[in-house]
Amino acid sequence: MKALLCTHYGTPDDLVLADIADPTPAAGEAVVRIEAAALNFFDTLIISGKYQTKPAFPFSPSAEFAGVVESVADGVTAVKAGDRVVGMTGYGAAREKIALPAAKLVKIPDGLDADRAAGVSVTYGTTLHALKDRAKLKPGETLAVLGASGGTGLAAIELGKIMGARVIACASSTDKIAFCRKHGADEGIDYGSEDLKDALRRLTDGRGADVIYDPVGGAFTEPALRAIAWEGRFLVIGFAAGDIPKLPLNLVLLKSCDVLGVFWGAWTERDPEGHRANTAQLLAWAAEDKLSSHVHAVYPLGDGAAALKAIAARSVMGKVILRP
């Protein structure tokens, strides 16, 4: 079978498309024929050795996929051959087939296509865990989303609206803000042309945002925190800007606010049943078109380098999909 492989740390152009042996299911596993593999920003980091997960070489990027179960090991009853499923692996899905524990698979509802299903696990999974389990977002609260046009940002907008929040989308251009409004944002801030702190305060009548969702980091974190509401919750999702910010703790004291880390990948291992329940809920919402699971572009497996470069250039709004 074909697989997109990282054989050493480098750039997307260093990836190779290679023939490798088909997998067979070990005890408790299923083999899935992958129809769509989704890419995320952290895939650009994992192939360059800049991510906290460092797989042994050679490995494939892509942490999530949708496909059809091809075979299962003896005794596996959770899924069977022919079932349409999604899975989250951390890495390794940019290939034609994959073997993994059947317990990590969730069935896809009827009416949801593989491209959209493939992009639900990571971005929406991270975000539902962040908003529901960590921040405990309440109806009527204000949610400010940084990097709002990206995969996790779009998920935060849509899930925030499902959960009854007023959503302020913060992004780096007017085109991205327009995209966010199309997907449900109530207000928009172009922090490429206006001060983020001042704009957040203006749009909240000086009160500040109850919950701030930050997958960006860098120079935008502190200004956003300065515009948080009393007893607000600041969600640390990631650092797409590249720089990990350092926060003055007096800001946390003065606002009596919480800074909450969201290590979704570790949580899925510690609470697999909670993860499965969240994923099933997300897939149901996507099948009902309550979530767009917006696909920005689809690439053949052999064009994985171009797909990753588009993500690195921050020109992607929504998800990028590889089709083996």
Protein backbone atom coordinates (compact mmCIF):
# COMPACT_ATOMS: atom_id res chain seq x y z
CA MET A 1 0.00 0.00 0.00
CA LYS A 2 0.98 3.64 -0.38
CA ALA A 3 2.00 5.79 2.59
CA LEU A 4 3.25 9.35 2.95
CA LEU A 5 6.35 9.00 5.14
CA CYS A 6 8.56 11.25 7.22
CA THR A 7 11.97 9.52 7.24
CA HIS A 8 13.84 12.36 8.98
CA TYR A 9 12.97 15.73 10.45
CA GLY A 10 12.61 18.42 7.83
CA THR A 11 10.10 20.30 5.71
CA PRO A 12 7.00 19.09 3.85
CA ASP A 13 9.19 18.69 0.74
CA ASP A 14 11.23 16.05 2.57
CA LEU A 15 8.24 13.70 2.84
CA VAL A 16 8.24 10.69 0.52
CA LEU A 17 5.43 8.61 -0.98
CA ALA A 18 6.43 4.97 -0.53
CA ASP A 19 5.13 1.43 -0.82
CA ILE A 20 4.90 -0.40 2.51
CA ALA A 21 3.35 -3.69 3.64
CA ASP A 22 -0.38 -3.86 4.30
CA PRO A 23 -1.18 -3.99 8.04
CA THR A 24 -2.79 -6.96 9.79
CA PRO A 25 -4.87 -6.61 12.96
CA ALA A 26 -3.22 -7.60 16.24
CA ALA A 27 -5.31 -8.63 19.24
CA GLY A 28 -8.11 -6.11 19.82
CA GLU A 29 -7.41 -4.25 16.58
CA ALA A 30 -9.17 -3.45 13.33
CA VAL A 31 -7.73 -2.60 9.93
CA VAL A 32 -9.38 0.39 8.27
CA ARG A 33 -9.14 1.31 4.60
CA ILE A 34 -8.72 5.07 4.80
CA GLU A 35 -10.95 7.20 2.58
CA ALA A 36 -9.95 10.61 3.96
CA ALA A 37 -7.13 11.70 6.28
CA ALA A 38 -7.29 15.17 7.82
CA LEU A 39 -4.28 17.42 8.43
CA ASN A 40 -3.79 19.91 11.25
CA PHE A 41 -1.28 22.64 12.03
CA PHE A 42 0.63 20.37 14.40
CA ASP A 43 1.42 18.07 11.46
CA THR A 44 3.78 20.80 10.23
CA LEU A 45 5.50 20.65 13.64
CA ILE A 46 5.68 16.88 14.07
CA ILE A 47 7.56 16.39 10.79
CA SER A 48 10.11 19.05 11.81
CA GLY A 49 10.72 17.68 15.31
CA LYS A 50 9.08 20.69 16.99
CA TYR A 51 6.10 18.90 18.51
CA GLN A 52 5.84 17.24 21.93
CA THR A 53 5.14 13.88 20.23
CA LYS A 54 8.22 12.47 18.48
CA PRO A 55 7.40 9.19 16.70
CA ALA A 56 10.06 6.75 15.58
CA PHE A 57 11.04 7.03 11.91
CA PRO A 58 9.56 6.39 9.45
CA PHE A 59 6.10 7.64 10.33
CA SER A 60 3.16 9.23 8.53
CA PRO A 61 1.62 12.57 9.50
CA SER A 62 -2.15 13.00 9.98
CA ALA A 63 -3.79 12.28 13.32
CA GLU A 64 -7.37 11.61 12.22
CA PHE A 65 -9.18 9.78 9.45
CA ALA A 66 -12.43 8.35 8.14
CA GLY A 67 -12.70 5.04 6.36
CA VAL A 68 -14.21 1.58 6.16
CA VAL A 69 -13.32 -1.34 8.40
CA GLU A 70 -11.65 -4.00 6.26
CA SER A 71 -10.91 -6.69 8.86
CA VAL A 72 -10.87 -7.24 12.63
CA ALA A 73 -8.96 -9.51 14.97
CA ASP A 74 -10.67 -12.50 16.55
CA GLY A 75 -12.93 -11.47 19.40
CA VAL A 76 -13.45 -7.86 18.27
CA THR A 77 -17.15 -7.00 18.44
CA ALA A 78 -17.19 -3.19 18.68
CA VAL A 79 -16.91 -2.88 14.89
CA LYS A 80 -17.12 -5.25 11.93
CA ALA A 81 -15.98 -5.35 8.31
CA GLY A 82 -17.90 -2.81 6.27
CA ASP A 83 -18.55 -0.33 9.09
CA ARG A 84 -17.84 3.33 8.29
CA VAL A 85 -15.73 4.78 11.09
CA VAL A 86 -13.56 7.64 12.24
CA GLY A 87 -10.40 7.26 14.27
CA MET A 88 -7.84 9.44 16.05
CA THR A 89 -4.27 8.17 16.19
CA GLY A 90 -2.01 11.14 17.02
CA TYR A 91 -0.09 10.50 13.79
CA GLY A 92 0.12 7.84 11.10
CA ALA A 93 -3.06 8.23 9.04
CA ALA A 94 -1.58 9.58 5.78
CA ARG A 95 -1.66 6.14 4.16
CA GLU A 96 -4.07 3.77 2.47
CA LYS A 97 -4.73 1.47 5.45
CA ILE A 98 -4.12 1.53 9.18
CA ALA A 99 -4.37 -0.95 12.06
CA LEU A 100 -5.38 0.38 15.46
CA PRO A 101 -7.36 -0.68 18.56
CA ALA A 102 -11.02 -1.10 17.66
CA ALA A 103 -11.93 0.78 20.85
CA LYS A 104 -10.51 3.95 19.25
CA LEU A 105 -13.02 3.82 16.39
CA VAL A 106 -16.42 5.53 16.34
CA LYS A 107 -19.08 4.75 13.74
CA ILE A 108 -20.07 7.46 11.25
CA PRO A 109 -23.80 8.28 11.08
CA ASP A 110 -25.62 7.83 7.78
CA GLY A 111 -25.53 10.92 5.58
CA LEU A 112 -22.12 12.20 6.65
CA ASP A 113 -19.42 11.95 3.98
CA ALA A 114 -15.87 10.78 4.69
CA ASP A 115 -14.19 14.14 4.00
CA ARG A 116 -16.28 15.98 6.60
CA ALA A 117 -16.19 13.10 9.07
CA ALA A 118 -12.40 12.89 8.90
CA GLY A 119 -12.01 16.43 10.21
CA VAL A 120 -14.23 16.12 13.28
CA SER A 121 -12.05 14.27 15.80
CA VAL A 122 -9.19 16.69 16.52
CA THR A 123 -10.42 20.24 16.05
CA TYR A 124 -13.99 19.76 17.20
CA GLY A 125 -12.94 17.19 19.81
CA THR A 126 -10.38 19.56 21.29
CA THR A 127 -12.88 22.39 21.27
CA LEU A 128 -15.83 20.52 22.79
CA HIS A 129 -13.56 19.30 25.58
CA ALA A 130 -12.26 22.85 26.07
CA LEU A 131 -15.62 24.62 26.13
CA LYS A 132 -17.73 21.95 27.86
CA ASP A 133 -15.36 20.08 30.15
CA ARG A 134 -12.76 22.76 30.99
CA ALA A 135 -14.41 26.20 30.69
CA LYS A 136 -17.97 25.03 31.37
CA LEU A 137 -19.29 27.64 28.94
CA LYS A 138 -22.81 28.77 29.81
CA PRO A 139 -25.64 30.08 27.60
CA GLY A 140 -25.54 33.85 27.36
CA GLU A 141 -21.81 34.16 28.03
CA THR A 142 -19.41 35.86 25.62
CA LEU A 143 -16.79 33.68 23.93
CA ALA A 144 -13.83 35.32 22.16
CA VAL A 145 -12.03 33.08 19.66
CA LEU A 146 -8.49 33.87 18.49
CA GLY A 147 -7.33 32.44 15.15
CA ALA A 148 -11.01 32.09 14.44
CA SER A 149 -10.82 31.15 10.75
CA GLY A 150 -8.57 28.12 11.29
CA GLY A 151 -9.75 24.59 12.02
CA THR A 152 -9.97 24.88 15.81
CA GLY A 153 -11.21 28.46 15.60
CA LEU A 154 -14.07 27.53 13.28
CA ALA A 155 -14.94 24.67 15.63
CA ALA A 156 -15.03 27.09 18.57
CA ILE A 157 -17.38 29.44 16.72
CA GLU A 158 -19.82 26.69 15.78
CA LEU A 159 -19.76 24.89 19.13
CA GLY A 160 -19.98 28.18 21.00
CA LYS A 161 -23.19 28.98 19.13
CA ILE A 162 -24.63 25.49 19.77
CA MET A 163 -23.90 26.04 23.48
CA GLY A 164 -25.72 29.39 23.47
CA ALA A 165 -22.80 31.83 23.66
CA ARG A 166 -22.30 35.19 21.98
CA VAL A 167 -19.21 34.63 19.83
CA ILE A 168 -16.59 37.23 18.90
CA ALA A 169 -14.30 35.99 16.10
CA CYS A 170 -10.76 37.38 16.14
CA ALA A 171 -8.65 36.85 13.02
CA SER A 172 -5.97 38.54 10.93
CA SER A 173 -7.89 39.87 7.91
CA THR A 174 -11.28 41.14 6.81
CA ASP A 175 -11.73 38.12 4.52
CA LYS A 176 -11.21 35.76 7.45
CA ILE A 177 -13.66 37.73 9.59
CA ALA A 178 -16.26 37.51 6.80
CA PHE A 179 -15.70 33.73 6.68
CA CYS A 180 -16.22 33.54 10.45
CA ARG A 181 -19.45 35.52 10.28
CA LYS A 182 -20.70 33.15 7.59
CA HIS A 183 -20.18 30.32 10.07
CA GLY A 184 -22.09 31.97 12.89
CA ALA A 185 -19.85 34.53 14.61
CA ASP A 186 -21.85 37.42 16.07
CA GLU A 187 -19.00 39.94 15.97
CA GLY A 188 -15.56 40.15 14.39
CA ILE A 189 -12.20 41.72 15.23
CA ASP A 190 -9.49 42.06 12.59
CA TYR A 191 -6.43 42.11 14.84
CA GLY A 192 -4.28 42.69 11.79
CA SER A 193 -5.58 46.26 11.71
CA GLU A 194 -6.98 47.06 15.17
CA ASP A 195 -5.87 46.62 18.77
CA LEU A 196 -7.21 43.33 20.11
CA LYS A 197 -7.54 44.41 23.75
CA ASP A 198 -9.35 47.64 22.94
CA ALA A 199 -11.67 45.97 20.44
CA LEU A 200 -12.64 43.19 22.87
CA ARG A 201 -13.42 45.75 25.55
CA ARG A 202 -15.44 47.83 23.10
CA LEU A 203 -17.54 44.88 21.93
CA THR A 204 -18.26 43.84 25.53
CA ASP A 205 -19.09 47.35 26.81
CA GLY A 206 -15.92 47.28 28.89
CA ARG A 207 -16.85 44.08 30.72
CA GLY A 208 -14.54 41.71 28.83
CA ALA A 209 -15.07 38.22 27.42
CA ASP A 210 -16.21 35.46 29.77
CA VAL A 211 -14.21 32.79 27.92
CA ILE A 212 -11.21 33.32 25.64
CA TYR A 213 -10.17 30.47 23.34
CA ASP A 214 -6.53 30.81 22.26
CA PRO A 215 -4.92 28.40 19.79
CA VAL A 216 -2.53 31.12 18.57
CA GLY A 217 -0.29 32.23 21.45
CA GLY A 218 2.51 34.62 20.56
CA ALA A 219 1.85 38.34 20.76
CA PHE A 220 -1.96 38.04 20.98
CA THR A 221 -2.27 36.14 24.25
CA GLU A 222 -1.52 38.92 26.73
CA PRO A 223 -3.72 41.59 25.04
CA ALA A 224 -6.59 39.08 25.01
CA LEU A 225 -6.08 38.23 28.68
CA ARG A 226 -6.14 41.94 29.52
CA ALA A 227 -9.67 42.01 28.05
CA ILE A 228 -11.07 39.06 30.00
CA ALA A 229 -14.10 39.44 32.27
CA TRP A 230 -14.10 39.13 36.05
CA GLU A 231 -13.85 35.39 36.86
CA GLY A 232 -13.34 34.68 33.17
CA ARG A 233 -11.70 31.53 31.81
CA PHE A 234 -8.72 31.68 29.45
CA LEU A 235 -8.25 28.47 27.43
CA VAL A 236 -4.69 27.63 26.34
CA ILE A 237 -5.18 25.50 23.21
CA GLY A 238 -1.88 25.83 21.36
CA PHE A 239 0.77 28.09 19.87
CA ALA A 240 0.20 28.40 16.13
CA ALA A 241 2.08 31.71 16.13
CA GLY A 242 5.21 29.79 17.10
CA ASP A 243 6.08 31.67 20.30
CA ILE A 244 4.96 30.44 23.72
CA PRO A 245 3.88 33.56 25.66
CA LYS A 246 4.72 34.36 29.27
CA LEU A 247 1.85 35.89 31.22
CA PRO A 248 2.13 38.50 34.01
CA LEU A 249 0.36 36.71 36.87
CA ASN A 250 -0.89 39.98 38.31
CA LEU A 251 -3.44 40.01 35.45
CA VAL A 252 -4.80 36.67 36.63
CA LEU A 253 -5.04 38.01 40.19
CA LEU A 254 -6.69 41.31 39.24
CA LYS A 255 -9.41 39.64 37.16
CA SER A 256 -9.78 36.66 39.52
CA CYS A 257 -9.71 34.60 36.32
CA ASP A 258 -8.66 31.06 35.49
CA VAL A 259 -6.00 30.10 32.93
CA LEU A 260 -6.90 26.58 31.83
CA GLY A 261 -4.66 24.23 29.88
CA VAL A 262 -6.35 22.01 27.30
CA PHE A 263 -4.22 18.92 26.59
CA TRP A 264 -6.90 17.10 24.66
CA GLY A 265 -4.69 14.27 23.41
CA ALA A 266 -3.72 13.23 26.93
CA TRP A 267 -7.33 13.55 28.09
CA THR A 268 -8.52 11.11 25.40
CA GLU A 269 -6.16 8.49 26.86
CA ARG A 270 -7.18 9.20 30.47
CA ASP A 271 -10.92 9.31 29.73
CA PRO A 272 -11.53 7.19 26.60
CA GLU A 273 -15.25 6.85 27.27
CA GLY A 274 -15.64 10.61 27.62
CA HIS A 275 -13.76 11.03 24.33
CA ARG A 276 -15.97 8.48 22.55
CA ALA A 277 -19.12 10.17 23.85
CA ASN A 278 -17.89 13.60 22.73
CA THR A 279 -16.92 12.25 19.28
CA ALA A 280 -20.28 10.54 18.80
CA GLN A 281 -22.06 13.78 19.70
CA LEU A 282 -19.93 15.76 17.26
CA LEU A 283 -20.54 13.31 14.42
CA ALA A 284 -24.29 13.45 15.09
CA TRP A 285 -24.24 17.26 14.97
CA ALA A 286 -22.21 17.17 11.74
CA ALA A 287 -24.67 14.71 10.17
CA GLU A 288 -27.49 17.09 11.15
CA ASP A 289 -25.54 20.01 9.59
CA LYS A 290 -25.32 21.76 12.94
CA LEU A 291 -21.54 21.67 12.43
CA SER A 292 -20.07 22.49 9.04
CA SER A 293 -16.84 20.49 9.42
CA HIS A 294 -15.79 22.79 6.60
CA VAL A 295 -13.30 21.34 4.11
CA HIS A 296 -11.00 24.02 2.69
CA ALA A 297 -9.33 21.76 0.11
CA VAL A 298 -8.79 18.11 -0.80
CA TYR A 299 -5.43 16.78 -2.04
CA PRO A 300 -4.35 13.37 -3.28
CA LEU A 301 -1.98 11.56 -0.91
CA GLY A 302 0.99 12.26 -3.16
CA ASP A 303 0.42 16.02 -2.81
CA GLY A 304 0.74 15.95 0.97
CA ALA A 305 3.65 18.40 0.85
CA ALA A 306 1.55 21.03 -0.90
CA ALA A 307 -1.26 20.51 1.61
CA LEU A 308 1.06 21.00 4.59
CA LYS A 309 2.65 24.08 3.04
CA ALA A 310 -0.80 25.64 2.64
CA ILE A 311 -1.44 25.06 6.34
CA ALA A 312 1.96 26.48 7.30
CA ALA A 313 1.26 29.59 5.20
CA ARG A 314 -1.95 30.15 7.21
CA SER A 315 -3.96 30.35 4.01
CA VAL A 316 -6.36 27.59 5.12
CA MET A 317 -9.85 28.27 6.45
CA GLY A 318 -11.25 25.04 7.87
CA LYS A 319 -9.73 21.60 7.20
CA VAL A 320 -7.35 20.15 4.63
CA ILE A 321 -8.01 16.55 3.58
CA LEU A 322 -5.76 13.94 1.97
CA ARG A 323 -7.43 11.21 -0.08
CA PRO A 324 -5.31 8.04 -0.36
